[in-house]
Amino acid sequence: MVVCVCVCVCVCVCVC
């Protein structure tokens, strides 16, 4: 199972 955390300010940056 992959869990991703994303932070979005104009564009999104995700760490999985």
PDB file of N, CA and C in Angstrom:
ATOM      1  N   MET A   1       0.855  -1.203   0.000  1.00  0.00           N
ATOM      2  CA  MET A   1       0.000   0.000   0.000  1.00  0.00           C
ATOM      3  C   MET A   1       0.886   1.246   0.000  1.00  0.00           C
ATOM      4  N   VAL A   2       0.570   2.155  -0.900  1.00  0.00           N
ATOM      5  CA  VAL A   2       1.343   3.391  -1.024  1.00  0.00           C
ATOM      6  C   VAL A   2       0.547   4.534  -0.396  1.00  0.00           C
ATOM      7  N   VAL A   3       1.184   5.260   0.491  1.00  0.00           N
ATOM      8  CA  VAL A   3       0.556   6.423   1.121  1.00  0.00           C
ATOM      9  C   VAL A   3       1.331   7.651   0.678  1.00  0.00           C
ATOM     10  N   CYS A   4       0.619   8.621   0.146  1.00  0.00           N
ATOM     11  CA  CYS A   4       1.265   9.851  -0.315  1.00  0.00           C
ATOM     12  C   CYS A   4       0.759  11.053   0.477  1.00  0.00           C
ATOM     13  N   VAL A   5       1.654  11.977   0.746  1.00  0.00           N
ATOM     14  CA  VAL A   5       1.309  13.237   1.391  1.00  0.00           C
ATOM     15  C   VAL A   5       1.651  14.334   0.404  1.00  0.00           C
ATOM     16  N   CYS A   6       0.663  15.174   0.123  1.00  0.00           N
ATOM     17  CA  CYS A   6       0.873  16.238  -0.861  1.00  0.00           C
ATOM     18  C   CYS A   6       0.703  17.616  -0.231  1.00  0.00           C
ATOM     19  N   VAL A   7       1.514  18.561  -0.686  1.00  0.00           N
ATOM     20  CA  VAL A   7       1.386  19.962  -0.306  1.00  0.00           C
ATOM     21  C   VAL A   7       1.203  20.736  -1.598  1.00  0.00           C
ATOM     22  N   CYS A   8       0.116  21.503  -1.650  1.00  0.00           N
ATOM     23  CA  CYS A   8      -0.197  22.216  -2.893  1.00  0.00           C
ATOM     24  C   CYS A   8      -0.252  23.727  -2.683  1.00  0.00           C
ATOM     25  N   VAL A   9       0.575  24.465  -3.417  1.00  0.00           N
ATOM     26  CA  VAL A   9       0.517  25.922  -3.497  1.00  0.00           C
ATOM     27  C   VAL A   9       0.842  26.253  -4.947  1.00  0.00           C
ATOM     28  N   CYS A  10      -0.169  26.454  -5.737  1.00  0.00           N
ATOM     29  CA  CYS A  10      -0.060  26.630  -7.198  1.00  0.00           C
ATOM     30  C   CYS A  10       0.279  25.312  -7.901  1.00  0.00           C
ATOM     31  N   VAL A  11       1.264  24.624  -7.412  1.00  0.00           N
ATOM     32  CA  VAL A  11       1.572  23.281  -7.897  1.00  0.00           C
ATOM     33  C   VAL A  11       1.613  22.348  -6.700  1.00  0.00           C
ATOM     34  N   CYS A  12       1.549  21.047  -6.952  1.00  0.00           N
ATOM     35  CA  CYS A  12       1.570  20.070  -5.866  1.00  0.00           C
ATOM     36  C   CYS A  12       2.904  19.340  -5.809  1.00  0.00           C
ATOM     37  N   VAL A  13       3.373  19.146  -4.586  1.00  0.00           N
ATOM     38  CA  VAL A  13       4.562  18.342  -4.345  1.00  0.00           C
ATOM     39  C   VAL A  13       4.126  17.193  -3.456  1.00  0.00           C
ATOM     40  N   CYS A  14       4.371  15.972  -3.918  1.00  0.00           N
ATOM     41  CA  CYS A  14       3.945  14.790  -3.169  1.00  0.00           C
ATOM     42  C   CYS A  14       5.135  13.935  -2.764  1.00  0.00           C
ATOM     43  N   VAL A  15       5.057  13.409  -1.548  1.00  0.00           N
ATOM     44  CA  VAL A  15       6.050  12.463  -1.058  1.00  0.00           C
ATOM     45  C   VAL A  15       5.315  11.179  -0.750  1.00  0.00           C
ATOM     46  N   CYS A  16       5.784  10.089  -1.372  1.00  0.00           N
ATOM     47  CA  CYS A  16       5.108   8.803  -1.194  1.00  0.00           C
ATOM     48  C   CYS A  16       6.004   7.821  -0.438  1.00  0.00           C
TER      49      CYS A  16
END
